[in-house]
C-alpha atoms as a PDB file:
ATOM      1  CA  MET A   1       7.543  -4.177  27.772  1.00  0.00           C
ATOM      2  CA  ARG A   2      10.815  -5.165  26.236  1.00  0.00           C
ATOM      3  CA  ALA A   3      12.436  -2.876  23.474  1.00  0.00           C
ATOM      4  CA  LEU A   4      15.574  -2.770  21.614  1.00  0.00           C
ATOM      5  CA  VAL A   5      16.905   0.664  22.188  1.00  0.00           C
ATOM      6  CA  LYS A   6      19.804   2.730  20.523  1.00  0.00           C
ATOM      7  CA  THR A   7      21.091   4.735  23.386  1.00  0.00           C
ATOM      8  CA  GLU A   8      24.106   7.000  22.095  1.00  0.00           C
ATOM      9  CA  ARG A   9      25.127   8.194  18.730  1.00  0.00           C
ATOM     10  CA  LEU A  10      28.063   5.927  18.614  1.00  0.00           C
ATOM     11  CA  PRO A  11      29.087   2.500  17.221  1.00  0.00           C
ATOM     12  CA  GLY A  12      27.289  -0.165  19.536  1.00  0.00           C
ATOM     13  CA  TYR A  13      25.119   1.225  22.217  1.00  0.00           C
ATOM     14  CA  LEU A  14      22.317  -0.977  21.703  1.00  0.00           C
ATOM     15  CA  GLU A  15      20.335  -2.508  24.940  1.00  0.00           C
ATOM     16  CA  LEU A  16      17.305  -4.385  25.544  1.00  0.00           C
ATOM     17  CA  ARG A  17      15.365  -2.356  27.852  1.00  0.00           C
ATOM     18  CA  LYS A  18      12.311  -2.430  29.884  1.00  0.00           C
ATOM     19  CA  VAL A  19       9.824   0.633  28.796  1.00  0.00           C
ATOM     20  CA  ASP A  20       6.269   1.656  29.361  1.00  0.00           C
ATOM     21  CA  VAL A  21       3.732   0.257  26.899  1.00  0.00           C
ATOM     22  CA  PRO A  22       2.531   3.034  24.834  1.00  0.00           C
ATOM     23  CA  GLU A  23      -1.171   3.916  24.589  1.00  0.00           C
ATOM     24  CA  PRO A  24      -2.883   4.664  21.291  1.00  0.00           C
ATOM     25  CA  ASN A  25      -3.769   8.482  20.672  1.00  0.00           C
ATOM     26  CA  VAL A  26      -6.630   9.507  18.661  1.00  0.00           C
ATOM     27  CA  GLY A  27      -6.934   7.708  15.341  1.00  0.00           C
ATOM     28  CA  GLU A  28      -3.899   5.212  16.282  1.00  0.00           C
ATOM     29  CA  ILE A  29      -4.146   1.405  16.821  1.00  0.00           C
ATOM     30  CA  ARG A  30      -1.727  -0.441  19.076  1.00  0.00           C
ATOM     31  CA  ILE A  31      -0.034  -3.532  17.562  1.00  0.00           C
ATOM     32  CA  ARG A  32       1.313  -6.329  19.710  1.00  0.00           C
ATOM     33  CA  VAL A  33       4.545  -7.086  17.462  1.00  0.00           C
ATOM     34  CA  GLN A  34       5.270 -10.908  16.836  1.00  0.00           C
ATOM     35  CA  ALA A  35       7.718 -10.544  14.250  1.00  0.00           C
ATOM     36  CA  ALA A  36      10.276  -8.038  13.095  1.00  0.00           C
ATOM     37  CA  SER A  37      13.103  -8.251  10.317  1.00  0.00           C
ATOM     38  CA  VAL A  38      16.491  -6.605  10.682  1.00  0.00           C
ATOM     39  CA  CYS A  39      17.109  -4.355   7.743  1.00  0.00           C
ATOM     40  CA  GLY A  40      20.609  -3.093   6.763  1.00  0.00           C
ATOM     41  CA  SER A  41      19.802  -0.042   7.813  1.00  0.00           C
ATOM     42  CA  ASP A  42      19.624  -0.879  11.165  1.00  0.00           C
ATOM     43  CA  LEU A  43      22.919  -2.428  11.077  1.00  0.00           C
ATOM     44  CA  HIS A  44      24.184   1.078   9.930  1.00  0.00           C
ATOM     45  CA  ALA A  45      22.531   2.558  12.875  1.00  0.00           C
ATOM     46  CA  TYR A  46      24.010   0.006  15.138  1.00  0.00           C
ATOM     47  CA  ASN A  47      27.229   1.233  13.951  1.00  0.00           C
ATOM     48  CA  TYR A  48      26.247   4.601  13.775  1.00  0.00           C
ATOM     49  CA  ASP A  49      27.552   5.303  10.248  1.00  0.00           C
ATOM     50  CA  SER A  50      27.900   8.915   8.889  1.00  0.00           C
ATOM     51  CA  SER A  51      24.925   8.614   6.949  1.00  0.00           C
ATOM     52  CA  TYR A  52      22.639   7.989   9.739  1.00  0.00           C
ATOM     53  CA  SER A  53      23.648  10.965  11.901  1.00  0.00           C
ATOM     54  CA  PHE A  54      19.983  12.228  11.461  1.00  0.00           C
ATOM     55  CA  MET A  55      18.576   9.453  13.894  1.00  0.00           C
ATOM     56  CA  ARG A  56      16.936  10.635  17.305  1.00  0.00           C
ATOM     57  CA  VAL A  57      18.699   9.079  20.163  1.00  0.00           C
ATOM     58  CA  PRO A  58      17.460   7.140  22.175  1.00  0.00           C
ATOM     59  CA  VAL A  59      15.168   5.416  19.853  1.00  0.00           C
ATOM     60  CA  ILE A  60      13.427   1.875  19.725  1.00  0.00           C
ATOM     61  CA  LEU A  61      14.805   0.495  16.521  1.00  0.00           C
ATOM     62  CA  GLY A  62      12.824  -1.640  13.919  1.00  0.00           C
ATOM     63  CA  HIS A  63      10.644  -0.472  10.627  1.00  0.00           C
ATOM     64  CA  GLU A  64      10.190  -4.140   9.551  1.00  0.00           C
ATOM     65  CA  PHE A  65       7.407  -5.742  11.538  1.00  0.00           C
ATOM     66  CA  ALA A  66       4.115  -7.387  11.885  1.00  0.00           C
ATOM     67  CA  GLY A  67       1.708  -8.388  14.642  1.00  0.00           C
ATOM     68  CA  THR A  68      -1.812  -8.014  15.859  1.00  0.00           C
ATOM     69  CA  ILE A  69      -4.005  -5.090  17.015  1.00  0.00           C
ATOM     70  CA  ASP A  70      -4.552  -5.378  20.562  1.00  0.00           C
ATOM     71  CA  ALA A  71      -6.130  -1.877  21.207  1.00  0.00           C
ATOM     72  CA  VAL A  72      -7.307   1.385  19.555  1.00  0.00           C
ATOM     73  CA  GLY A  73      -7.477   4.838  20.134  1.00  0.00           C
ATOM     74  CA  ASP A  74     -10.629   7.412  19.851  1.00  0.00           C
ATOM     75  CA  GLY A  75     -11.922   7.779  16.232  1.00  0.00           C
ATOM     76  CA  VAL A  76     -10.881   3.868  15.346  1.00  0.00           C
ATOM     77  CA  ASP A  77     -13.549   1.180  14.879  1.00  0.00           C
ATOM     78  CA  THR A  78     -13.101  -1.754  17.097  1.00  0.00           C
ATOM     79  CA  ALA A  79     -14.159  -3.761  14.420  1.00  0.00           C
ATOM     80  CA  VAL A  80     -10.045  -4.091  13.783  1.00  0.00           C
ATOM     81  CA  LEU A  81      -9.265  -5.485  17.120  1.00  0.00           C
ATOM     82  CA  GLY A  82      -7.528  -8.918  16.650  1.00  0.00           C
ATOM     83  CA  GLU A  83      -6.631  -8.284  12.814  1.00  0.00           C
ATOM     84  CA  ARG A  84      -2.968  -9.271  11.708  1.00  0.00           C
ATOM     85  CA  VAL A  85      -1.242  -5.941  10.299  1.00  0.00           C
ATOM     86  CA  ILE A  86       1.974  -4.383   9.125  1.00  0.00           C
ATOM     87  CA  ALA A  87       2.468  -0.810   9.178  1.00  0.00           C
ATOM     88  CA  GLU A  88       4.438   1.503   6.555  1.00  0.00           C
ATOM     89  CA  ALA A  89       7.861   2.508   7.602  1.00  0.00           C
ATOM     90  CA  ASN A  90       7.707   6.094   6.515  1.00  0.00           C
ATOM     91  CA  LEU A  91       5.381   8.591   7.964  1.00  0.00           C
ATOM     92  CA  PHE A  92       4.309  11.498   5.896  1.00  0.00           C
ATOM     93  CA  CYS A  93       3.007  14.715   6.267  1.00  0.00           C
ATOM     94  CA  GLY A  94       0.691  15.128   3.676  1.00  0.00           C
ATOM     95  CA  ILE A  95       0.813  18.947   3.166  1.00  0.00           C
ATOM     96  CA  CYS A  96       4.206  19.587   1.980  1.00  0.00           C
ATOM     97  CA  SER A  97       4.877  20.495  -1.626  1.00  0.00           C
ATOM     98  CA  THR A  98       6.256  16.846  -2.308  1.00  0.00           C
ATOM     99  CA  CYS A  99       3.256  15.152  -0.799  1.00  0.00           C
ATOM    100  CA  VAL A 100       0.851  17.657  -2.725  1.00  0.00           C
ATOM    101  CA  SER A 101       2.278  16.334  -5.815  1.00  0.00           C
ATOM    102  CA  GLY A 102       1.728  12.908  -5.156  1.00  0.00           C
ATOM    103  CA  LYS A 103       5.080  11.566  -4.033  1.00  0.00           C
ATOM    104  CA  ASN A 104       4.381  11.191  -0.370  1.00  0.00           C
ATOM    105  CA  HIS A 105       7.026   8.443   0.021  1.00  0.00           C
ATOM    106  CA  ILE A 106       9.874  11.332  -0.335  1.00  0.00           C
ATOM    107  CA  CYS A 107       7.924  13.651   1.852  1.00  0.00           C
ATOM    108  CA  GLU A 108      10.016  16.820   2.962  1.00  0.00           C
ATOM    109  CA  ASN A 109       9.034  16.284   6.486  1.00  0.00           C
ATOM    110  CA  PHE A 110       8.876  12.232   6.719  1.00  0.00           C
ATOM    111  CA  LYS A 111       9.509  10.391  10.034  1.00  0.00           C
ATOM    112  CA  ILE A 112      10.788   6.434   9.706  1.00  0.00           C
ATOM    113  CA  HIS A 113       9.876   3.969  12.321  1.00  0.00           C
ATOM    114  CA  GLY A 114      13.241   2.988  14.301  1.00  0.00           C
ATOM    115  CA  PHE A 115      15.167   6.127  13.428  1.00  0.00           C
ATOM    116  CA  HIS A 116      12.959   9.378  13.996  1.00  0.00           C
ATOM    117  CA  ILE A 117      10.515   7.730  16.148  1.00  0.00           C
ATOM    118  CA  ASN A 118      10.211   4.511  18.153  1.00  0.00           C
ATOM    119  CA  GLY A 119      10.094   1.408  15.969  1.00  0.00           C
ATOM    120  CA  GLY A 120       9.139  -1.970  16.027  1.00  0.00           C
ATOM    121  CA  PHE A 121      12.068  -3.881  17.977  1.00  0.00           C
ATOM    122  CA  ALA A 122       9.681  -4.006  20.916  1.00  0.00           C
ATOM    123  CA  GLU A 123       6.670  -5.814  22.329  1.00  0.00           C
ATOM    124  CA  TYR A 124       3.991  -3.127  21.413  1.00  0.00           C
ATOM    125  CA  LEU A 125       3.986  -0.159  19.030  1.00  0.00           C
ATOM    126  CA  CYS A 126       1.371   2.543  18.115  1.00  0.00           C
ATOM    127  CA  VAL A 127       0.780   3.751  14.505  1.00  0.00           C
ATOM    128  CA  ASN A 128      -2.015   5.790  12.996  1.00  0.00           C
ATOM    129  CA  GLN A 129      -4.641   3.744  11.230  1.00  0.00           C
ATOM    130  CA  GLU A 130      -4.118   5.398   7.860  1.00  0.00           C
ATOM    131  CA  PHE A 131      -0.375   3.543   7.726  1.00  0.00           C
ATOM    132  CA  ILE A 132      -1.556   0.111   8.310  1.00  0.00           C
ATOM    133  CA  HIS A 133      -2.258  -2.674   5.750  1.00  0.00           C
ATOM    134  CA  ARG A 134      -4.178  -5.860   6.671  1.00  0.00           C
ATOM    135  CA  ILE A 135      -2.142  -9.176   6.122  1.00  0.00           C
ATOM    136  CA  PRO A 136      -4.458 -11.951   4.170  1.00  0.00           C
ATOM    137  CA  GLU A 137      -4.402 -15.408   5.416  1.00  0.00           C
ATOM    138  CA  GLU A 138      -2.163 -16.717   2.718  1.00  0.00           C
ATOM    139  CA  ILE A 139       0.810 -14.794   4.317  1.00  0.00           C
ATOM    140  CA  GLY A 140       2.693 -15.922   7.706  1.00  0.00           C
ATOM    141  CA  ILE A 141       3.404 -13.724  10.177  1.00  0.00           C
ATOM    142  CA  GLU A 142       7.049 -13.805   9.652  1.00  0.00           C
ATOM    143  CA  GLN A 143       6.562 -13.762   5.881  1.00  0.00           C
ATOM    144  CA  ALA A 144       4.512 -10.242   6.465  1.00  0.00           C
ATOM    145  CA  SER A 145       7.744  -9.003   8.322  1.00  0.00           C
ATOM    146  CA  LEU A 146       9.370  -8.591   4.926  1.00  0.00           C
ATOM    147  CA  ILE A 147       6.720  -6.823   3.152  1.00  0.00           C
ATOM    148  CA  GLU A 148       8.470  -3.604   3.758  1.00  0.00           C
ATOM    149  CA  PRO A 149      11.815  -4.519   2.031  1.00  0.00           C
ATOM    150  CA  LEU A 150       9.566  -6.112  -0.568  1.00  0.00           C
ATOM    151  CA  SER A 151       7.956  -2.904  -1.271  1.00  0.00           C
ATOM    152  CA  VAL A 152      11.164  -1.212  -1.663  1.00  0.00           C
ATOM    153  CA  SER A 153      12.062  -3.614  -4.321  1.00  0.00           C
ATOM    154  CA  VAL A 154       9.036  -3.168  -6.076  1.00  0.00           C
ATOM    155  CA  HIS A 155       9.260   0.375  -6.037  1.00  0.00           C
ATOM    156  CA  ALA A 156      12.751   0.357  -7.714  1.00  0.00           C
ATOM    157  CA  VAL A 157      11.220  -2.377 -10.393  1.00  0.00           C
ATOM    158  CA  TYR A 158       8.058  -1.545 -11.273  1.00  0.00           C
ATOM    159  CA  ASP A 159       8.102   2.322 -10.574  1.00  0.00           C
ATOM    160  CA  ARG A 160      11.736   3.596 -11.163  1.00  0.00           C
ATOM    161  CA  SER A 161      13.161   1.155 -14.006  1.00  0.00           C
ATOM    162  CA  ASN A 162      11.815   0.868 -17.324  1.00  0.00           C
ATOM    163  CA  ILE A 163      12.596  -2.936 -17.622  1.00  0.00           C
ATOM    164  CA  LYS A 164      10.810  -4.847 -20.417  1.00  0.00           C
ATOM    165  CA  ASN A 165      10.203  -8.217 -20.865  1.00  0.00           C
ATOM    166  CA  GLY A 166      13.448 -10.154 -21.750  1.00  0.00           C
ATOM    167  CA  ASP A 167      15.823  -7.461 -20.570  1.00  0.00           C
ATOM    168  CA  HIS A 168      19.124  -8.753 -18.963  1.00  0.00           C
ATOM    169  CA  VAL A 169      19.168  -6.909 -15.782  1.00  0.00           C
ATOM    170  CA  ALA A 170      22.519  -6.903 -13.397  1.00  0.00           C
ATOM    171  CA  ILE A 171      21.932  -6.339  -9.826  1.00  0.00           C
ATOM    172  CA  PHE A 172      24.746  -5.669  -7.449  1.00  0.00           C
ATOM    173  CA  GLY A 173      24.499  -6.369  -3.633  1.00  0.00           C
ATOM    174  CA  PRO A 174      22.900 -10.157  -2.983  1.00  0.00           C
ATOM    175  CA  GLY A 175      21.690  -9.088   0.658  1.00  0.00           C
ATOM    176  CA  PRO A 176      18.122  -9.038   1.155  1.00  0.00           C
ATOM    177  CA  ILE A 177      17.058  -6.237  -0.976  1.00  0.00           C
ATOM    178  CA  GLY A 178      19.189  -7.535  -4.121  1.00  0.00           C
ATOM    179  CA  LEU A 179      17.479 -11.087  -3.540  1.00  0.00           C
ATOM    180  CA  LEU A 180      14.054  -9.897  -3.477  1.00  0.00           C
ATOM    181  CA  THR A 181      14.907  -7.320  -6.184  1.00  0.00           C
ATOM    182  CA  ALA A 182      16.275 -10.055  -8.533  1.00  0.00           C
ATOM    183  CA  GLN A 183      12.904 -11.878  -7.954  1.00  0.00           C
ATOM    184  CA  VAL A 184      11.058  -8.837  -8.593  1.00  0.00           C
ATOM    185  CA  VAL A 185      12.665  -8.645 -11.757  1.00  0.00           C
ATOM    186  CA  ARG A 186      11.861 -12.078 -12.813  1.00  0.00           C
ATOM    187  CA  CYS A 187       8.022 -11.192 -12.196  1.00  0.00           C
ATOM    188  CA  LYS A 188       8.195  -8.241 -14.391  1.00  0.00           C
ATOM    189  CA  GLY A 189       9.768 -10.491 -17.262  1.00  0.00           C
ATOM    190  CA  GLY A 190      13.311  -9.565 -17.025  1.00  0.00           C
ATOM    191  CA  ILE A 191      16.321 -12.085 -16.635  1.00  0.00           C
ATOM    192  CA  PRO A 192      18.192 -11.004 -13.544  1.00  0.00           C
ATOM    193  CA  VAL A 193      22.040 -11.675 -12.927  1.00  0.00           C
ATOM    194  CA  LEU A 194      23.047 -11.052  -9.158  1.00  0.00           C
ATOM    195  CA  PHE A 195      26.402 -10.061  -8.559  1.00  0.00           C
ATOM    196  CA  GLY A 196      28.743 -10.447  -5.205  1.00  0.00           C
ATOM    197  CA  ILE A 197      31.926 -11.047  -3.942  1.00  0.00           C
ATOM    198  CA  ASP A 198      33.933 -14.025  -2.448  1.00  0.00           C
ATOM    199  CA  SER A 199      32.201 -13.419   0.995  1.00  0.00           C
ATOM    200  CA  ASP A 200      28.758 -13.768  -0.468  1.00  0.00           C
ATOM    201  CA  GLU A 201      29.565 -17.404  -1.467  1.00  0.00           C
ATOM    202  CA  GLN A 202      29.126 -18.309   2.307  1.00  0.00           C
ATOM    203  CA  CYS A 203      25.429 -18.068   2.357  1.00  0.00           C
ATOM    204  CA  ARG A 204      24.058 -15.529  -0.090  1.00  0.00           C
ATOM    205  CA  LEU A 205      24.815 -16.337  -3.599  1.00  0.00           C
ATOM    206  CA  PRO A 206      24.097 -20.198  -3.036  1.00  0.00           C
ATOM    207  CA  VAL A 207      20.492 -19.034  -1.925  1.00  0.00           C
ATOM    208  CA  ALA A 208      20.391 -16.910  -5.073  1.00  0.00           C
ATOM    209  CA  ARG A 209      21.374 -20.065  -7.115  1.00  0.00           C
ATOM    210  CA  SER A 210      18.651 -22.351  -5.108  1.00  0.00           C
ATOM    211  CA  LEU A 211      15.910 -19.824  -6.169  1.00  0.00           C
ATOM    212  CA  GLY A 212      17.139 -20.118  -9.703  1.00  0.00           C
ATOM    213  CA  ILE A 213      18.880 -16.699  -9.989  1.00  0.00           C
ATOM    214  CA  SER A 214      21.989 -16.833 -11.878  1.00  0.00           C
ATOM    215  CA  THR A 215      24.959 -15.376  -9.940  1.00  0.00           C
ATOM    216  CA  VAL A 216      28.471 -14.141 -10.479  1.00  0.00           C
ATOM    217  CA  ASP A 217      31.488 -13.637  -7.981  1.00  0.00           C
ATOM    218  CA  THR A 218      33.212 -10.372  -9.579  1.00  0.00           C
ATOM    219  CA  SER A 219      36.302 -11.458  -7.072  1.00  0.00           C
ATOM    220  CA  LYS A 220      36.675 -14.308  -9.377  1.00  0.00           C
ATOM    221  CA  LYS A 221      35.771 -12.947 -13.116  1.00  0.00           C
ATOM    222  CA  SER A 222      36.412  -9.868 -15.129  1.00  0.00           C
ATOM    223  CA  LEU A 223      33.571  -8.045 -16.720  1.00  0.00           C
ATOM    224  CA  GLU A 224      34.425  -8.973 -19.778  1.00  0.00           C
ATOM    225  CA  GLN A 225      34.565 -12.901 -18.632  1.00  0.00           C
ATOM    226  CA  ILE A 226      31.138 -12.503 -17.159  1.00  0.00           C
ATOM    227  CA  LEU A 227      29.473 -10.935 -20.175  1.00  0.00           C
ATOM    228  CA  VAL A 228      31.022 -13.743 -22.430  1.00  0.00           C
ATOM    229  CA  ASN A 229      29.842 -16.534 -20.156  1.00  0.00           C
ATOM    230  CA  GLN A 230      26.329 -14.814 -20.053  1.00  0.00           C
ATOM    231  CA  ASN A 231      26.153 -14.799 -23.961  1.00  0.00           C
ATOM    232  CA  PHE A 232      25.208 -10.952 -24.406  1.00  0.00           C
ATOM    233  CA  SER A 233      27.287  -8.332 -24.935  1.00  0.00           C
ATOM    234  CA  SER A 234      26.020  -5.423 -22.308  1.00  0.00           C
ATOM    235  CA  PHE A 235      23.049  -5.213 -19.591  1.00  0.00           C
ATOM    236  CA  ASP A 236      20.086  -3.622 -20.652  1.00  0.00           C
ATOM    237  CA  GLN A 237      19.530  -2.424 -16.936  1.00  0.00           C
ATOM    238  CA  VAL A 238      21.687  -2.205 -13.853  1.00  0.00           C
ATOM    239  CA  ILE A 239      20.146  -2.021 -10.271  1.00  0.00           C
ATOM    240  CA  ASP A 240      22.491  -1.411  -7.443  1.00  0.00           C
ATOM    241  CA  CYS A 241      21.367  -2.409  -4.010  1.00  0.00           C
ATOM    242  CA  SER A 242      24.955  -2.695  -2.452  1.00  0.00           C
ATOM    243  CA  GLY A 243      25.606   1.050  -1.994  1.00  0.00           C
ATOM    244  CA  SER A 244      29.264   0.428  -3.083  1.00  0.00           C
ATOM    245  CA  SER A 245      30.939   2.756  -5.517  1.00  0.00           C
ATOM    246  CA  ALA A 246      33.199  -0.111  -7.045  1.00  0.00           C
ATOM    247  CA  ALA A 247      29.983  -1.980  -7.727  1.00  0.00           C
ATOM    248  CA  VAL A 248      28.224   0.806  -9.895  1.00  0.00           C
ATOM    249  CA  GLU A 249      31.700   1.487 -11.899  1.00  0.00           C
ATOM    250  CA  THR A 250      31.200  -2.034 -12.869  1.00  0.00           C
ATOM    251  CA  GLY A 251      27.895  -1.971 -13.606  1.00  0.00           C
ATOM    252  CA  LEU A 252      28.406   1.167 -15.409  1.00  0.00           C
ATOM    253  CA  ASN A 253      30.834  -0.641 -17.480  1.00  0.00           C
ATOM    254  CA  GLY A 254      28.920  -3.201 -18.362  1.00  0.00           C
ATOM    255  CA  LEU A 255      25.767  -1.484 -19.201  1.00  0.00           C
ATOM    256  CA  LYS A 256      24.842  -0.981 -22.747  1.00  0.00           C
ATOM    257  CA  LYS A 257      24.373   2.590 -24.484  1.00  0.00           C
ATOM    258  CA  GLY A 258      21.297   4.206 -23.563  1.00  0.00           C
ATOM    259  CA  GLY A 259      20.776   1.809 -20.737  1.00  0.00           C
ATOM    260  CA  GLN A 260      19.308   2.716 -17.232  1.00  0.00           C
ATOM    261  CA  LEU A 261      21.224   2.495 -13.933  1.00  0.00           C
ATOM    262  CA  ILE A 262      18.813   2.541 -10.764  1.00  0.00           C
ATOM    263  CA  LEU A 263      20.355   3.215  -7.327  1.00  0.00           C
ATOM    264  CA  VAL A 264      18.919   1.723  -4.362  1.00  0.00           C
ATOM    265  CA  GLY A 265      21.528   1.223  -1.914  1.00  0.00           C
ATOM    266  CA  ILE A 266      22.727   3.997   0.573  1.00  0.00           C
ATOM    267  CA  PHE A 267      26.144   4.697  -0.238  1.00  0.00           C
ATOM    268  CA  PRO A 268      28.404   5.436   3.202  1.00  0.00           C
ATOM    269  CA  SER A 269      30.897   7.421   1.593  1.00  0.00           C
ATOM    270  CA  LEU A 270      31.144  10.068  -1.312  1.00  0.00           C
ATOM    271  CA  SER A 271      31.699   8.686  -4.758  1.00  0.00           C
ATOM    272  CA  ASN A 272      33.893   9.517  -7.597  1.00  0.00           C
ATOM    273  CA  MET A 273      32.330   8.523 -10.859  1.00  0.00           C
ATOM    274  CA  ASP A 274      33.699   9.128 -14.193  1.00  0.00           C
ATOM    275  CA  LEU A 275      30.467  11.524 -15.259  1.00  0.00           C
ATOM    276  CA  SER A 276      31.756  11.836 -18.986  1.00  0.00           C
ATOM    277  CA  LYS A 277      31.520   7.975 -19.642  1.00  0.00           C
ATOM    278  CA  ILE A 278      27.506   8.952 -18.408  1.00  0.00           C
ATOM    279  CA  VAL A 279      27.299  11.568 -20.857  1.00  0.00           C
ATOM    280  CA  ARG A 280      28.963  10.080 -24.156  1.00  0.00           C
ATOM    281  CA  ARG A 281      26.856   6.729 -23.545  1.00  0.00           C
ATOM    282  CA  GLU A 282      23.712   8.610 -22.777  1.00  0.00           C
ATOM    283  CA  VAL A 283      23.152   6.623 -19.459  1.00  0.00           C
ATOM    284  CA  THR A 284      19.933   7.432 -17.542  1.00  0.00           C
ATOM    285  CA  ILE A 285      20.729   7.388 -13.657  1.00  0.00           C
ATOM    286  CA  GLY A 286      17.723   7.413 -11.235  1.00  0.00           C
ATOM    287  CA  GLY A 287      17.647   7.095  -7.512  1.00  0.00           C
ATOM    288  CA  SER A 288      14.946   4.661  -5.822  1.00  0.00           C
ATOM    289  CA  HIS A 289      13.900   5.407  -2.266  1.00  0.00           C
ATOM    290  CA  THR A 290      11.541   3.728   0.048  1.00  0.00           C
ATOM    291  CA  SER A 291       8.091   2.687  -1.308  1.00  0.00           C
ATOM    292  CA  THR A 292       4.615   3.746  -1.825  1.00  0.00           C
ATOM    293  CA  ARG A 293       1.543   2.761  -0.423  1.00  0.00           C
ATOM    294  CA  GLU A 294       0.509   1.161  -3.694  1.00  0.00           C
ATOM    295  CA  ASN A 295       3.929  -0.638  -3.378  1.00  0.00           C
ATOM    296  CA  TYR A 296       2.859  -2.311  -0.268  1.00  0.00           C
ATOM    297  CA  LYS A 297      -0.321  -3.474  -1.859  1.00  0.00           C
ATOM    298  CA  GLN A 298       1.523  -4.704  -4.744  1.00  0.00           C
ATOM    299  CA  SER A 299       4.235  -6.412  -2.550  1.00  0.00           C
ATOM    300  CA  ILE A 300       1.162  -8.211  -0.414  1.00  0.00           C
ATOM    301  CA  GLU A 301      -0.215  -9.376  -3.529  1.00  0.00           C
ATOM    302  CA  LEU A 302       3.258 -11.109  -4.936  1.00  0.00           C
ATOM    303  CA  LEU A 303       3.498 -12.715  -1.476  1.00  0.00           C
ATOM    304  CA  ALA A 304       0.062 -14.014  -1.429  1.00  0.00           C
ATOM    305  CA  ASN A 305       0.171 -15.336  -4.929  1.00  0.00           C
ATOM    306  CA  GLY A 306       3.483 -17.403  -4.046  1.00  0.00           C
ATOM    307  CA  GLN A 307       5.572 -15.257  -6.688  1.00  0.00           C
ATOM    308  CA  ILE A 308       8.077 -14.025  -3.972  1.00  0.00           C
ATOM    309  CA  ASN A 309      10.060 -16.690  -2.017  1.00  0.00           C
ATOM    310  CA  THR A 310      11.183 -15.326   1.486  1.00  0.00           C
ATOM    311  CA  ASP A 311      11.428 -18.569   3.326  1.00  0.00           C
ATOM    312  CA  GLN A 312      15.172 -19.327   1.790  1.00  0.00           C
ATOM    313  CA  LEU A 313      16.216 -15.617   3.293  1.00  0.00           C
ATOM    314  CA  VAL A 314      15.318 -15.653   6.822  1.00  0.00           C
ATOM    315  CA  THR A 315      17.025 -17.108  10.310  1.00  0.00           C
ATOM    316  CA  TYR A 316      14.649 -16.745  13.356  1.00  0.00           C
ATOM    317  CA  TYR A 317      15.949 -15.541  16.637  1.00  0.00           C
ATOM    318  CA  GLN A 318      14.448 -14.506  19.955  1.00  0.00           C
ATOM    319  CA  LEU A 319      14.264 -10.856  20.838  1.00  0.00           C
ATOM    320  CA  GLU A 320      17.117 -11.739  23.651  1.00  0.00           C
ATOM    321  CA  GLU A 321      19.462 -12.877  20.798  1.00  0.00           C
ATOM    322  CA  TYR A 322      19.546  -9.448  18.732  1.00  0.00           C
ATOM    323  CA  GLU A 323      23.162  -9.490  19.451  1.00  0.00           C
ATOM    324  CA  ARG A 324      24.090 -12.707  17.771  1.00  0.00           C
ATOM    325  CA  ALA A 325      21.495 -11.520  15.149  1.00  0.00           C
ATOM    326  CA  PHE A 326      22.976  -8.357  14.409  1.00  0.00           C
ATOM    327  CA  GLN A 327      26.443 -10.175  14.284  1.00  0.00           C
ATOM    328  CA  ASP A 328      25.336 -12.993  11.977  1.00  0.00           C
ATOM    329  CA  ALA A 329      24.074 -10.241   9.639  1.00  0.00           C
ATOM    330  CA  VAL A 330      27.162  -8.448   9.677  1.00  0.00           C
ATOM    331  CA  THR A 331      29.397 -11.099   9.031  1.00  0.00           C
ATOM    332  CA  LYS A 332      26.890 -12.332   6.223  1.00  0.00           C
ATOM    333  CA  LYS A 333      26.546 -15.533   8.031  1.00  0.00           C
ATOM    334  CA  VAL A 334      22.659 -15.301   7.521  1.00  0.00           C
ATOM    335  CA  ILE A 335      20.766 -13.229   4.936  1.00  0.00           C
ATOM    336  CA  LYS A 336      17.869 -11.803   7.068  1.00  0.00           C
ATOM    337  CA  PRO A 337      17.683 -12.098  10.814  1.00  0.00           C
ATOM    338  CA  VAL A 338      13.633 -12.362  11.990  1.00  0.00           C
ATOM    339  CA  LEU A 339      13.270 -11.683  15.675  1.00  0.00           C
ATOM    340  CA  HIS A 340      10.635 -13.138  17.413  1.00  0.00           C
ATOM    341  CA  ILE A 341       9.089 -10.760  19.747  1.00  0.00           C
END
């Protein structure tokens, strides 16, 4: 089968290779992958940023994928053959103290498709049946490949924030997660404002506006001007999806006393923040990492009900066009590349 493999612990070194088709073990199903979307973390892995030194290499990339069950291992009911499914990105152990406490999404021994074990940028993939979710008829296979990133946004908004109806919410980073998060905030009754920079005007911010989301280009306006234009004095909540220390600093300056800052983006380097400002304004800071099984179910429901728009976020490529897909994402020419496998 064809598979997109990260071959070295160096920037680049991504190859489309012929590898053996995997066979399902006991309790596993095999997915014939049909669509797989490129995540920002795949771009970091491609560049081999320092925060991705944990990766196993060589490894098949890809943790956002959807397809059809075409084979099962012992112990799996053959009635599932032919079903359309997605798989959770994070695989938990179920026995560490974190899992036992009910937080298996941040398992001490977790493994991620495409980083620790082979992922979905391939024609076939085997996964334990407990990590599978069925795709309802209302959701297309390409849409389904975005359920995983949507679940990350759902976790940040539904589980980690305390957004209330009518809250003004600043979201930094208008990439795929930021655009999905803004829509989820709206689903919860919040009023999102999506922040970006000049380069985001090429594609990302116009798409946000087409979705009815207010946007701000911080390269052109000061924080004071932004707040005046929005007709309120501060934000109730700030969610950072950018992984930019400068963005977090801006968000913190615009956050009300007693407000909440949720960090979703992964930071490529250490940050120097004014911690005294956090203390004196009694700001609550929380991290939000990956998602729970319940978040996948919530995401599937939001998509099936038409509450989340993914069509304007995606651009399609064949697997053989992976280099162009990655480059277009890096240069912000497109928002979310989806590979047809």
